[in-house]
Amino acid sequence: MGKFSIPSLTKRQWATAFVIAFADFCSAVCISLQAPFYPAEAERKGATASQYGFVFGCYELTVFLTSPLFGKYLAKLIPKFMLNGGLVVTGVCSILFGVLDKIDDTTAFIGLSFAVRVIEALGSAAFLTAAFAIIAAEFPSSIATTFACLETFFGLGLIVGPTLGGFLFQMGGYMLPFTVLGVLLIAAAFFTYALLPAAEHCDSPQSGGLFRILRIPSILLASFSVFAASTSVGFLSATLEPHLRQFDLMPVSMGLMFVIEGGIYAITAPVWGYLCDRKVQPKIVTLIGSIFIVVGFLLIGPAPFLPLDTTLNLAITGLVIMGFGVGAELVSGFISALQEATFHGFPNNLSTYGLVSGLWTSTFALGAFVGPSLAGILFDQVGFRYSTLFVITTNALLGILVLFFLCCQRRLSPGILAVPEQYQAANYSTLAGEDYGPEDERSNARAKRESMVSSLKDGMANPEWMTSEQSI
């Protein structure tokens, strides 16, 4: 029972996992490809760190604004169509982004960079939202483990993106990396069309579902976990290259520096998913992740209050530690939000999966917008070492909030950390389903709460807090 093993999958599930893993990989490459060389190219055009930081950020801001809409109407738009369409749009825009170096005027270069990235982001929001919802629908008994295993390919994309981008830039200049990525994304769309099974989950979108889900405090905490992790990643995408420029690294070597955090994330994400599915509640994983990221950023700079000089070895150590934390926060944030949504009165169907995946994608994008945007401004004003205090403070605040939630739960029921999270929710003063859902949902929520409180009093405690009978 304690052994880590791959779940037994049907042929349909294997096909679904394969194509979504490929899409996840391409998405990460799209995000990370230009990090080693775009800042230097933009500076040659006369742009400042603040300007090209917003070019990184506008992509994520668009995803943040549009993902909830894609999630709300996922069932109506058909997940497979949304996934394919998003991949094609993203691929075409990547190719267009590769010709921008032909423009010498600074304003035109930055303006067109904004325009292309915004349209590219619309495609990314569509296929990411569809992909996460399909995962939840197709793998109901092991969502966290499956999500985390597929997120490994996202981590691999973070690895390959900067490395491939730096190598292709060194071999063929600015245009080649974006052309290769665009072709890869369009090929992924054809791949997906041929192999992804048609959706069999047809649900009508719920009115007001997004506002209902945002009224649940534990889901807001899960969203903040995702925000904190993506802010950390986005922060480095805009400032790590200028920070490490003092070491005169070659483009390929600089690309390898971006590999470290993504590589650790890729390796550890399945482990965090397994822990969330079988061993510990997601909030504890979130707390561990926040500690890792704080420690990592203390070393990458290093933080200005530490009596240490900036060295390459110290930065590498910080990136390794940070990678552990990013995986913990992202994986626990997704499974916690989905678990809490279904427990608090939302139906267990594609409509809810779309809402949660849209919220996760949107929150991730918000952090990835705030990260590079503020990073550029702070880097210009106070330098890299002082600017890392923003990320350190954000993740420290997350850790404090998680501790507050855990302490409240433990006070209400001693030993609560050893029992299923569904039982823990029974200790809240009210369930969201009791207050926000229709009358029949409120009645069911109250009955479920009374049953769980009774189970607690009788001493029911299963260390595997999400069994097959309790799975989402």
Protein backbone atom coordinates (compact mmCIF):
# COMPACT_ATOMS: atom_id res chain seq x y z
CA MET A 1 0.00 0.00 0.00
CA GLY A 2 2.91 2.30 0.69
CA LYS A 3 4.67 1.47 -2.58
CA PHE A 4 4.76 4.04 -5.40
CA SER A 5 3.27 2.49 -8.53
CA ILE A 6 1.77 3.61 -11.82
CA PRO A 7 -2.01 3.19 -11.87
CA SER A 8 -3.46 0.55 -14.19
CA LEU A 9 -4.78 2.43 -17.22
CA THR A 10 -7.10 1.59 -20.08
CA LYS A 11 -6.08 2.12 -23.71
CA ARG A 12 -8.26 5.25 -23.76
CA GLN A 13 -6.46 6.62 -20.69
CA TRP A 14 -3.04 5.86 -22.15
CA ALA A 15 -3.94 7.70 -25.36
CA THR A 16 -5.27 10.65 -23.37
CA ALA A 17 -2.20 10.79 -21.14
CA PHE A 18 0.14 10.60 -24.13
CA VAL A 19 -1.32 13.48 -26.11
CA ILE A 20 -1.83 15.74 -23.08
CA ALA A 21 1.74 15.09 -21.95
CA PHE A 22 2.89 16.20 -25.39
CA ALA A 23 0.72 19.34 -25.17
CA ASP A 24 2.03 20.09 -21.67
CA PHE A 25 5.58 19.74 -22.94
CA CYS A 26 4.95 22.14 -25.83
CA SER A 27 3.29 24.66 -23.50
CA ALA A 28 6.32 24.79 -21.22
CA VAL A 29 8.68 25.14 -24.18
CA CYS A 30 6.55 28.04 -25.40
CA ILE A 31 6.83 29.77 -22.02
CA SER A 32 10.55 29.24 -21.47
CA LEU A 33 12.08 29.19 -24.96
CA GLN A 34 13.07 32.86 -25.24
CA ALA A 35 14.28 33.41 -21.67
CA PRO A 36 18.05 32.97 -22.40
CA PHE A 37 18.23 35.35 -25.38
CA TYR A 38 15.13 37.57 -25.74
CA PRO A 39 16.18 40.05 -23.00
CA ALA A 40 19.55 40.62 -24.71
CA GLU A 41 17.84 40.95 -28.14
CA ALA A 42 15.34 43.46 -26.74
CA GLU A 43 18.13 45.50 -25.17
CA ARG A 44 19.90 45.64 -28.54
CA LYS A 45 16.71 47.19 -29.91
CA GLY A 46 16.84 49.81 -27.14
CA ALA A 47 14.24 48.29 -24.78
CA THR A 48 14.58 48.40 -20.99
CA ALA A 49 14.11 45.55 -18.51
CA SER A 50 10.72 47.02 -17.57
CA GLN A 51 9.55 46.91 -21.19
CA TYR A 52 10.62 43.39 -22.05
CA GLY A 53 9.50 42.23 -18.61
CA PHE A 54 5.96 43.26 -19.60
CA VAL A 55 6.34 41.38 -22.89
CA PHE A 56 6.87 38.25 -20.80
CA GLY A 57 4.04 39.29 -18.53
CA CYS A 58 1.38 40.21 -21.12
CA TYR A 59 1.26 36.58 -22.25
CA GLU A 60 0.33 35.46 -18.76
CA LEU A 61 -2.05 38.38 -18.15
CA THR A 62 -4.06 37.32 -21.20
CA VAL A 63 -4.17 33.72 -19.99
CA PHE A 64 -5.27 34.97 -16.57
CA LEU A 65 -8.17 36.97 -18.01
CA THR A 66 -9.42 34.39 -20.51
CA SER A 67 -8.89 31.00 -18.81
CA PRO A 68 -11.97 31.30 -16.56
CA LEU A 69 -14.12 31.96 -19.64
CA PHE A 70 -12.69 28.95 -21.44
CA GLY A 71 -13.25 26.89 -18.30
CA LYS A 72 -16.84 28.05 -17.90
CA TYR A 73 -17.82 27.11 -21.46
CA LEU A 74 -15.53 24.09 -21.79
CA ALA A 75 -18.33 21.53 -22.08
CA LYS A 76 -20.20 23.60 -24.66
CA LEU A 77 -17.10 24.28 -26.79
CA ILE A 78 -15.97 20.59 -26.64
CA PRO A 79 -12.58 19.94 -24.93
CA LYS A 80 -10.92 18.24 -27.92
CA PHE A 81 -11.79 21.12 -30.27
CA MET A 82 -10.53 23.68 -27.73
CA LEU A 83 -7.28 21.75 -27.26
CA ASN A 84 -6.59 21.46 -31.00
CA GLY A 85 -7.55 25.03 -31.82
CA GLY A 86 -5.36 26.38 -29.04
CA LEU A 87 -2.32 24.44 -30.23
CA VAL A 88 -2.67 25.70 -33.81
CA VAL A 89 -3.06 29.35 -32.76
CA THR A 90 -0.07 29.11 -30.43
CA GLY A 91 2.10 27.49 -33.12
CA VAL A 92 1.33 30.09 -35.78
CA CYS A 93 2.02 32.95 -33.36
CA SER A 94 5.34 31.40 -32.34
CA ILE A 95 6.47 31.47 -35.97
CA LEU A 96 5.37 35.10 -36.28
CA PHE A 97 7.30 36.02 -33.13
CA GLY A 98 10.44 34.70 -34.79
CA VAL A 99 10.44 37.39 -37.50
CA LEU A 100 10.28 40.34 -35.08
CA ASP A 101 14.05 40.73 -35.03
CA LYS A 102 13.76 42.19 -38.54
CA ILE A 103 12.24 45.30 -36.92
CA ASP A 104 14.79 47.88 -35.73
CA ASP A 105 12.48 50.51 -34.24
CA THR A 106 12.19 50.00 -30.47
CA THR A 107 8.53 51.01 -30.19
CA ALA A 108 7.47 48.83 -33.12
CA PHE A 109 9.50 45.88 -31.85
CA ILE A 110 7.99 46.02 -28.34
CA GLY A 111 4.48 46.80 -29.64
CA LEU A 112 4.39 43.87 -32.07
CA SER A 113 5.94 41.61 -29.41
CA PHE A 114 2.97 42.50 -27.19
CA ALA A 115 0.42 41.88 -29.97
CA VAL A 116 1.77 38.48 -31.03
CA ARG A 117 2.18 37.27 -27.46
CA VAL A 118 -1.41 38.25 -26.56
CA ILE A 119 -2.86 36.20 -29.44
CA GLU A 120 -0.48 33.36 -28.65
CA ALA A 121 -1.71 33.45 -25.06
CA LEU A 122 -5.33 33.00 -26.15
CA GLY A 123 -4.37 29.71 -27.79
CA SER A 124 -2.37 28.64 -24.74
CA ALA A 125 -5.26 29.41 -22.36
CA ALA A 126 -7.61 27.33 -24.49
CA PHE A 127 -5.52 24.17 -24.70
CA LEU A 128 -4.23 24.29 -21.10
CA THR A 129 -7.73 24.67 -19.66
CA ALA A 130 -9.03 21.85 -21.83
CA ALA A 131 -6.07 19.60 -20.95
CA PHE A 132 -6.44 19.91 -17.17
CA ALA A 133 -10.21 19.34 -17.33
CA ILE A 134 -9.74 16.21 -19.46
CA ILE A 135 -7.25 14.87 -16.88
CA ALA A 136 -9.80 15.26 -14.09
CA ALA A 137 -12.54 13.62 -16.16
CA GLU A 138 -10.50 10.67 -17.41
CA PHE A 139 -8.56 9.82 -14.22
CA PRO A 140 -11.07 10.24 -11.37
CA SER A 141 -9.41 7.89 -8.87
CA SER A 142 -5.86 9.24 -9.10
CA ILE A 143 -6.14 12.86 -10.18
CA ALA A 144 -3.18 14.23 -8.21
CA THR A 145 -0.80 11.45 -9.25
CA THR A 146 -1.81 11.66 -12.91
CA PHE A 147 -1.74 15.45 -12.93
CA ALA A 148 1.72 15.43 -11.34
CA CYS A 149 3.09 12.79 -13.74
CA LEU A 150 1.85 14.81 -16.70
CA GLU A 151 3.29 17.95 -15.11
CA THR A 152 6.63 16.17 -15.32
CA PHE A 153 6.43 16.82 -19.04
CA PHE A 154 5.78 20.48 -18.27
CA GLY A 155 9.00 20.41 -16.25
CA LEU A 156 10.78 18.70 -19.14
CA GLY A 157 9.52 21.48 -21.38
CA LEU A 158 11.00 24.04 -18.99
CA ILE A 159 14.27 22.13 -19.31
CA VAL A 160 14.27 21.69 -23.08
CA GLY A 161 12.90 25.18 -23.81
CA PRO A 162 15.82 27.33 -22.63
CA THR A 163 18.42 24.73 -23.64
CA LEU A 164 16.94 24.24 -27.11
CA GLY A 165 16.35 27.96 -27.46
CA GLY A 166 19.93 28.82 -26.54
CA PHE A 167 21.33 26.12 -28.83
CA LEU A 168 19.17 27.05 -31.84
CA PHE A 169 19.82 30.76 -31.28
CA GLN A 170 23.56 30.07 -31.26
CA MET A 171 23.24 27.94 -34.42
CA GLY A 172 20.76 29.92 -36.51
CA GLY A 173 19.97 33.24 -34.88
CA TYR A 174 16.76 34.70 -33.46
CA MET A 175 14.26 33.23 -35.92
CA LEU A 176 15.21 29.54 -35.75
CA PRO A 177 14.05 28.72 -32.17
CA PHE A 178 10.56 30.17 -32.73
CA THR A 179 10.14 28.47 -36.09
CA VAL A 180 11.04 25.07 -34.64
CA LEU A 181 8.62 25.58 -31.73
CA GLY A 182 5.82 26.70 -34.05
CA VAL A 183 6.19 23.62 -36.23
CA LEU A 184 6.28 21.45 -33.11
CA LEU A 185 3.04 22.97 -31.79
CA ILE A 186 1.20 22.57 -35.09
CA ALA A 187 2.40 18.97 -35.28
CA ALA A 188 1.08 18.47 -31.74
CA ALA A 189 -2.33 19.69 -32.91
CA PHE A 190 -2.47 17.06 -35.66
CA PHE A 191 -1.20 14.48 -33.19
CA THR A 192 -3.94 15.37 -30.73
CA TYR A 193 -6.65 15.31 -33.40
CA ALA A 194 -5.64 11.80 -34.45
CA LEU A 195 -5.11 10.19 -31.05
CA LEU A 196 -7.19 11.97 -28.40
CA PRO A 197 -10.49 10.16 -27.75
CA ALA A 198 -13.68 12.14 -28.21
CA ALA A 199 -15.15 13.52 -25.00
CA GLU A 200 -17.97 11.54 -23.48
CA HIS A 201 -18.70 14.04 -20.71
CA CYS A 202 -21.35 16.53 -21.80
CA ASP A 203 -22.48 18.89 -19.06
CA SER A 204 -24.04 22.32 -19.18
CA PRO A 205 -22.03 25.19 -17.68
CA GLN A 206 -23.35 26.42 -14.34
CA SER A 207 -24.38 30.03 -13.92
CA GLY A 208 -22.34 31.87 -11.32
CA GLY A 209 -20.08 28.87 -10.76
CA LEU A 210 -16.86 30.88 -10.76
CA PHE A 211 -18.12 33.33 -8.13
CA ARG A 212 -19.42 30.46 -5.97
CA ILE A 213 -16.10 28.65 -6.08
CA LEU A 214 -14.18 31.80 -5.16
CA ARG A 215 -16.22 32.14 -1.96
CA ILE A 216 -14.62 29.02 -0.50
CA PRO A 217 -11.62 30.07 1.66
CA SER A 218 -9.69 26.83 1.18
CA ILE A 219 -9.92 27.20 -2.61
CA LEU A 220 -8.60 30.76 -2.33
CA LEU A 221 -5.68 29.37 -0.33
CA ALA A 222 -5.03 26.72 -3.02
CA SER A 223 -5.13 29.45 -5.67
CA PHE A 224 -2.64 31.53 -3.71
CA SER A 225 -0.34 28.51 -3.61
CA VAL A 226 -0.39 28.31 -7.42
CA PHE A 227 0.09 32.09 -7.65
CA ALA A 228 3.13 32.03 -5.36
CA ALA A 229 4.79 29.23 -7.34
CA SER A 230 4.20 30.79 -10.75
CA THR A 231 5.35 34.20 -9.49
CA SER A 232 8.64 32.59 -8.48
CA VAL A 233 9.12 30.99 -11.91
CA GLY A 234 8.09 34.14 -13.78
CA PHE A 235 10.38 36.30 -11.68
CA LEU A 236 13.41 34.32 -12.80
CA SER A 237 12.34 34.17 -16.46
CA ALA A 238 12.88 37.93 -16.76
CA THR A 239 15.82 38.52 -14.40
CA LEU A 240 17.96 35.37 -14.07
CA GLU A 241 19.78 35.99 -17.36
CA PRO A 242 20.72 39.62 -16.50
CA HIS A 243 21.69 38.50 -12.99
CA LEU A 244 24.01 35.76 -14.27
CA ARG A 245 25.41 37.88 -17.09
CA GLN A 246 28.29 38.81 -14.79
CA PHE A 247 29.66 35.27 -15.20
CA ASP A 248 30.00 35.60 -19.05
CA LEU A 249 28.21 32.32 -19.79
CA MET A 250 27.74 31.06 -23.34
CA PRO A 251 24.09 30.93 -24.61
CA VAL A 252 23.92 27.15 -24.18
CA SER A 253 25.37 27.39 -20.67
CA MET A 254 22.91 30.13 -19.82
CA GLY A 255 20.12 27.92 -21.11
CA LEU A 256 21.32 25.14 -18.83
CA MET A 257 20.90 27.46 -15.84
CA PHE A 258 17.18 27.61 -16.63
CA VAL A 259 17.15 23.81 -16.79
CA ILE A 260 17.92 23.36 -13.10
CA GLU A 261 14.64 24.53 -11.56
CA GLY A 262 12.53 22.88 -14.26
CA GLY A 263 14.47 19.63 -13.98
CA ILE A 264 13.96 19.34 -10.24
CA TYR A 265 10.28 20.19 -10.72
CA ALA A 266 9.94 17.47 -13.36
CA ILE A 267 11.58 14.84 -11.17
CA THR A 268 9.71 15.64 -7.96
CA ALA A 269 6.20 16.47 -9.26
CA PRO A 270 5.06 12.79 -9.37
CA VAL A 271 6.27 12.31 -5.81
CA TRP A 272 4.30 15.34 -4.60
CA GLY A 273 1.26 14.04 -6.49
CA TYR A 274 1.54 10.62 -4.89
CA LEU A 275 1.79 12.20 -1.45
CA CYS A 276 -1.30 14.34 -2.11
CA ASP A 277 -3.25 11.33 -3.37
CA ARG A 278 -2.30 8.82 -0.73
CA LYS A 279 -0.32 10.07 2.25
CA VAL A 280 -0.78 13.68 3.42
CA GLN A 281 -3.28 16.42 2.88
CA PRO A 282 -2.34 18.98 0.21
CA LYS A 283 -2.01 21.90 2.66
CA ILE A 284 1.00 20.25 4.30
CA VAL A 285 2.62 19.79 0.89
CA THR A 286 1.92 23.48 0.19
CA LEU A 287 3.63 24.47 3.45
CA ILE A 288 6.70 22.39 2.60
CA GLY A 289 6.81 23.97 -0.86
CA SER A 290 6.68 27.52 0.52
CA ILE A 291 9.64 26.78 2.80
CA PHE A 292 11.68 25.38 -0.10
CA ILE A 293 11.05 28.43 -2.30
CA VAL A 294 11.90 30.89 0.48
CA VAL A 295 15.20 29.11 1.15
CA GLY A 296 15.96 28.86 -2.57
CA PHE A 297 15.54 32.58 -3.19
CA LEU A 298 17.56 33.41 -0.09
CA LEU A 299 20.49 31.76 -1.88
CA ILE A 300 19.96 32.65 -5.56
CA GLY A 301 20.57 36.38 -4.98
CA PRO A 302 21.67 35.90 -2.30
CA ALA A 303 19.28 37.97 -0.17
CA PRO A 304 20.75 41.39 0.68
CA PHE A 305 20.70 40.77 4.42
CA LEU A 306 22.93 37.68 4.08
CA PRO A 307 26.69 38.33 4.31
CA LEU A 308 27.37 36.35 1.13
CA ASP A 309 28.70 37.29 -2.30
CA THR A 310 26.96 36.26 -5.52
CA THR A 311 28.53 33.07 -6.85
CA LEU A 312 27.50 30.66 -9.56
CA ASN A 313 27.54 27.68 -7.20
CA LEU A 314 25.32 29.46 -4.67
CA ALA A 315 22.83 30.40 -7.40
CA ILE A 316 22.72 26.80 -8.65
CA THR A 317 22.09 25.53 -5.11
CA GLY A 318 19.22 28.00 -4.72
CA LEU A 319 17.67 26.96 -8.05
CA VAL A 320 17.77 23.29 -7.00
CA ILE A 321 16.00 24.00 -3.71
CA MET A 322 13.47 26.24 -5.43
CA GLY A 323 12.59 23.45 -7.89
CA PHE A 324 11.39 21.25 -5.04
CA GLY A 325 9.12 24.01 -3.79
CA VAL A 326 7.58 24.85 -7.16
CA GLY A 327 6.49 21.25 -7.69
CA ALA A 328 4.98 21.03 -4.22
CA GLU A 329 2.96 24.25 -4.51
CA LEU A 330 1.64 23.66 -8.04
CA VAL A 331 0.56 20.04 -7.57
CA SER A 332 -0.99 20.55 -4.14
CA GLY A 333 -2.82 23.66 -5.35
CA PHE A 334 -4.60 21.82 -8.15
CA ILE A 335 -5.69 18.75 -6.22
CA SER A 336 -6.71 20.80 -3.18
CA ALA A 337 -8.93 23.10 -5.26
CA LEU A 338 -10.59 20.20 -7.04
CA GLN A 339 -11.08 18.24 -3.82
CA GLU A 340 -12.59 21.22 -2.02
CA ALA A 341 -14.87 22.18 -4.91
CA THR A 342 -16.53 18.77 -5.18
CA PHE A 343 -16.80 18.47 -1.41
CA HIS A 344 -18.38 21.90 -1.03
CA GLY A 345 -21.40 21.17 -3.19
CA PHE A 346 -20.16 21.28 -6.79
CA PRO A 347 -21.17 18.35 -9.03
CA ASN A 348 -18.56 15.78 -9.96
CA ASN A 349 -18.64 16.42 -13.72
CA LEU A 350 -16.82 18.08 -16.61
CA SER A 351 -18.38 21.46 -15.84
CA THR A 352 -16.72 21.52 -12.41
CA TYR A 353 -13.45 20.20 -13.82
CA GLY A 354 -13.53 23.03 -16.34
CA LEU A 355 -14.11 25.61 -13.62
CA VAL A 356 -11.24 24.33 -11.47
CA SER A 357 -8.81 23.89 -14.37
CA GLY A 358 -9.70 27.36 -15.63
CA LEU A 359 -9.11 28.78 -12.15
CA TRP A 360 -5.77 26.93 -11.84
CA THR A 361 -4.60 28.09 -15.28
CA SER A 362 -5.78 31.63 -14.59
CA THR A 363 -4.09 31.82 -11.19
CA PHE A 364 -0.87 30.36 -12.58
CA ALA A 365 -0.95 32.94 -15.35
CA LEU A 366 -1.59 35.80 -12.91
CA GLY A 367 1.54 34.86 -10.98
CA ALA A 368 3.51 34.42 -14.19
CA PHE A 369 2.38 37.94 -15.20
CA VAL A 370 3.11 39.57 -11.86
CA GLY A 371 6.46 37.78 -11.53
CA PRO A 372 8.30 39.03 -14.65
CA SER A 373 6.47 42.38 -14.74
CA LEU A 374 7.43 43.38 -11.20
CA ALA A 375 10.80 41.68 -11.61
CA GLY A 376 11.69 43.99 -14.49
CA ILE A 377 10.68 47.09 -12.56
CA LEU A 378 12.42 46.02 -9.36
CA PHE A 379 15.54 44.94 -11.25
CA ASP A 380 15.78 48.38 -12.85
CA GLN A 381 15.22 50.19 -9.55
CA VAL A 382 16.98 48.17 -6.83
CA GLY A 383 18.85 45.33 -8.55
CA PHE A 384 18.38 41.56 -8.37
CA ARG A 385 19.33 40.92 -4.73
CA TYR A 386 16.84 43.35 -3.22
CA SER A 387 14.13 42.44 -5.74
CA THR A 388 14.16 38.80 -4.53
CA LEU A 389 12.58 40.02 -1.28
CA PHE A 390 9.26 40.24 -3.14
CA VAL A 391 9.23 36.49 -3.89
CA ILE A 392 10.53 35.64 -0.42
CA THR A 393 7.78 37.68 1.23
CA THR A 394 5.04 36.22 -0.99
CA ASN A 395 5.95 32.62 -0.18
CA ALA A 396 6.52 33.37 3.50
CA LEU A 397 2.98 34.82 3.62
CA LEU A 398 1.66 31.65 1.97
CA GLY A 399 3.37 29.53 4.61
CA ILE A 400 1.87 31.63 7.41
CA LEU A 401 -1.64 31.32 5.95
CA VAL A 402 -1.29 27.55 5.57
CA LEU A 403 -0.12 27.27 9.17
CA PHE A 404 -3.16 29.28 10.26
CA PHE A 405 -5.50 26.88 8.42
CA LEU A 406 -3.74 23.84 9.84
CA CYS A 407 -3.71 25.20 13.40
CA CYS A 408 -7.43 25.95 13.23
CA GLN A 409 -8.14 22.41 12.02
CA ARG A 410 -5.95 20.86 14.69
CA ARG A 411 -7.57 22.94 17.42
CA LEU A 412 -11.04 21.84 16.30
CA SER A 413 -10.02 18.18 16.21
CA PRO A 414 -6.80 16.81 17.75
CA GLY A 415 -5.07 14.42 15.37
CA ILE A 416 -6.85 15.95 12.40
CA LEU A 417 -3.71 15.83 10.23
CA ALA A 418 -3.84 12.04 10.16
CA VAL A 419 -7.35 11.69 8.75
CA PRO A 420 -8.90 12.27 5.33
CA GLU A 421 -9.32 15.86 4.20
CA GLN A 422 -13.00 15.17 3.66
CA TYR A 423 -13.19 14.55 7.43
CA GLN A 424 -11.24 17.72 8.10
CA ALA A 425 -13.76 19.73 6.09
CA ALA A 426 -16.44 18.34 8.36
CA ASN A 427 -14.86 20.33 11.19
CA TYR A 428 -15.36 23.70 9.50
CA SER A 429 -18.08 25.80 11.11
CA THR A 430 -20.07 25.60 7.89
CA LEU A 431 -19.68 23.90 4.56
CA ALA A 432 -19.83 26.03 1.44
CA GLY A 433 -22.38 23.65 -0.01
CA GLU A 434 -24.65 24.40 2.94
CA ASP A 435 -24.64 28.12 2.25
CA TYR A 436 -24.15 28.52 -1.49
CA GLY A 437 -25.75 25.55 -3.26
CA PRO A 438 -29.36 24.79 -4.15
CA GLU A 439 -31.59 23.38 -1.42
CA ASP A 440 -30.99 19.72 -2.29
CA GLU A 441 -27.20 20.29 -2.35
CA ARG A 442 -27.36 22.08 1.02
CA SER A 443 -29.29 19.16 2.52
CA ASN A 444 -26.80 16.65 1.13
CA ALA A 445 -23.88 18.72 2.44
CA ARG A 446 -25.39 18.90 5.93
CA ALA A 447 -26.04 15.15 5.94
CA LYS A 448 -22.48 14.46 4.77
CA ARG A 449 -21.10 16.76 7.45
CA GLU A 450 -23.05 15.02 10.22
CA SER A 451 -21.87 11.62 8.97
CA MET A 452 -18.25 12.73 8.94
CA VAL A 453 -18.41 14.27 12.39
CA SER A 454 -19.87 10.99 13.63
CA SER A 455 -17.03 9.09 11.94
CA LEU A 456 -14.51 11.33 13.66
CA LYS A 457 -16.07 10.71 17.05
CA ASP A 458 -15.98 6.98 16.44
CA GLY A 459 -12.24 7.23 15.71
CA MET A 460 -12.33 6.45 11.99
CA ALA A 461 -8.94 7.40 10.60
CA ASN A 462 -7.60 6.03 7.33
CA PRO A 463 -4.04 7.18 6.61
CA GLU A 464 -4.81 7.02 2.91
CA TRP A 465 -7.11 10.03 2.96
CA MET A 466 -8.37 9.54 -0.58
CA THR A 467 -9.52 5.96 -1.06
CA SER A 468 -11.33 4.62 -4.09
CA GLU A 469 -14.68 5.15 -2.43
CA GLN A 470 -13.78 8.74 -1.50
CA SER A 471 -12.02 9.74 -4.71
CA ILE A 472 -13.26 12.65 -6.74
